[in-house]
Amino acid sequence: MNKSAFSDPPPLTLGNSAYALSRARDIGIISEDVSAQKNFYIRENYRVQFRADLLNAFNRHYLGGVNTNPTNPLFGQVTAVGGKENTEASRTIQFSLPLDF
């Protein structure tokens, strides 16, 4: 990011920047969720289902905390890394075994 393109306006005046800058964006989020299931039938009335769910299956980390203050020496730099939606957990695996009768 070009730091010299930004400056604070003088006191008691309005700046000349647009309300929203179309090229100033946050870092995107990519997450793949995978699910697999297998049904087992026991007699006619019973079914057991094995299910496995993987949330954030490829264990991607997300960059955040982009500094947007032009007077800060860290302007435009990423200052945080986290999991999906800024949680500490990255990959989540869940197994279930429901019985239907």
Protein backbone atom coordinates (compact mmCIF):
# COMPACT_ATOMS: atom_id res chain seq x y z
CA MET A 1 0.00 0.00 0.00
CA ASN A 2 1.28 3.44 -0.86
CA LYS A 3 1.52 5.19 2.49
CA SER A 4 2.20 8.61 0.93
CA ALA A 5 -1.24 8.55 -0.78
CA PHE A 6 -2.94 9.03 2.62
CA SER A 7 -2.82 11.97 4.99
CA ASP A 8 -4.94 13.53 7.72
CA PRO A 9 -6.91 16.64 6.68
CA PRO A 10 -6.23 19.92 8.51
CA PRO A 11 -8.31 20.57 11.64
CA LEU A 12 -11.95 21.63 11.11
CA THR A 13 -11.94 20.63 7.42
CA LEU A 14 -13.25 17.68 5.45
CA GLY A 15 -10.95 15.39 3.52
CA ASN A 16 -11.33 14.67 -0.19
CA SER A 17 -11.48 10.86 0.01
CA ALA A 18 -14.51 8.86 -1.09
CA TYR A 19 -16.82 7.33 1.49
CA ALA A 20 -15.55 3.85 0.61
CA LEU A 21 -12.33 3.04 -1.22
CA SER A 22 -13.02 0.31 -3.77
CA ARG A 23 -9.40 -0.88 -3.91
CA ALA A 24 -8.86 -0.93 -0.13
CA ARG A 25 -10.10 -4.35 0.92
CA ASP A 26 -9.51 -6.80 3.69
CA ILE A 27 -7.94 -10.19 3.10
CA GLY A 28 -10.34 -12.85 1.81
CA ILE A 29 -11.37 -16.02 3.63
CA ILE A 30 -11.21 -19.49 2.07
CA SER A 31 -12.61 -22.48 3.94
CA GLU A 32 -13.50 -25.97 2.77
CA ASP A 33 -15.92 -28.12 4.76
CA VAL A 34 -16.15 -31.85 3.99
CA SER A 35 -18.73 -34.39 5.14
CA ALA A 36 -19.04 -38.15 4.58
CA GLN A 37 -21.63 -40.63 5.79
CA LYS A 38 -22.40 -44.34 5.54
CA ASN A 39 -25.68 -46.04 6.41
CA PHE A 40 -25.84 -49.55 7.92
CA TYR A 41 -29.21 -51.30 8.09
CA ILE A 42 -29.86 -53.76 10.91
CA ARG A 43 -33.00 -55.77 10.24
CA GLU A 44 -35.87 -53.83 8.74
CA ASN A 45 -36.53 -51.26 11.44
CA TYR A 46 -33.07 -50.11 12.52
CA ARG A 47 -30.51 -47.96 10.80
CA VAL A 48 -27.12 -46.88 12.13
CA GLN A 49 -25.43 -44.02 10.36
CA PHE A 50 -21.72 -43.22 10.69
CA ARG A 51 -20.99 -39.57 9.88
CA ALA A 52 -17.71 -37.61 9.77
CA ASP A 53 -17.61 -33.82 9.37
CA LEU A 54 -14.40 -31.85 8.78
CA LEU A 55 -14.71 -28.09 9.18
CA ASN A 56 -11.83 -26.11 7.64
CA ALA A 57 -10.57 -29.43 6.25
CA PHE A 58 -7.31 -28.07 4.82
CA ASN A 59 -6.45 -26.18 8.03
CA ARG A 60 -6.20 -22.73 6.44
CA HIS A 61 -5.24 -19.76 8.59
CA TYR A 62 -6.65 -16.29 8.09
CA LEU A 63 -4.75 -13.04 8.19
CA GLY A 64 -6.38 -10.15 10.00
CA GLY A 65 -5.76 -7.06 12.06
CA VAL A 66 -4.70 -4.96 9.06
CA ASN A 67 -3.56 -1.61 10.42
CA THR A 68 -5.57 1.19 8.75
CA ASN A 69 -4.11 4.21 10.55
CA PRO A 70 -1.93 6.10 8.01
CA THR A 71 0.15 7.75 10.74
CA ASN A 72 1.12 4.41 12.29
CA PRO A 73 4.46 2.94 11.16
CA LEU A 74 2.70 -0.45 10.73
CA PHE A 75 0.17 1.01 8.24
CA GLY A 76 -1.09 -1.65 5.80
CA GLN A 77 0.60 -4.53 7.59
CA VAL A 78 -1.07 -7.69 8.87
CA THR A 79 -0.81 -7.93 12.67
CA ALA A 80 -2.88 -11.04 13.50
CA VAL A 81 -3.35 -14.63 12.34
CA GLY A 82 -6.26 -16.81 13.42
CA GLY A 83 -8.65 -19.56 12.43
CA LYS A 84 -12.07 -19.27 10.85
CA GLU A 85 -13.90 -16.14 12.04
CA ASN A 86 -10.97 -15.23 14.33
CA THR A 87 -11.30 -18.28 16.54
CA GLU A 88 -8.28 -20.09 17.89
CA ALA A 89 -9.44 -23.47 16.56
CA SER A 90 -8.32 -24.28 13.06
CA ARG A 91 -9.45 -27.69 11.81
CA THR A 92 -12.46 -29.25 13.55
CA ILE A 93 -13.41 -32.92 13.12
CA GLN A 94 -16.71 -34.32 14.38
CA PHE A 95 -17.85 -37.95 14.33
CA SER A 96 -21.41 -39.08 15.01
CA LEU A 97 -23.22 -42.40 15.16
CA PRO A 98 -27.01 -41.91 15.25
CA LEU A 99 -29.40 -44.84 15.57
CA ASP A 100 -32.79 -44.57 13.86
CA PHE A 101 -35.62 -46.95 14.84
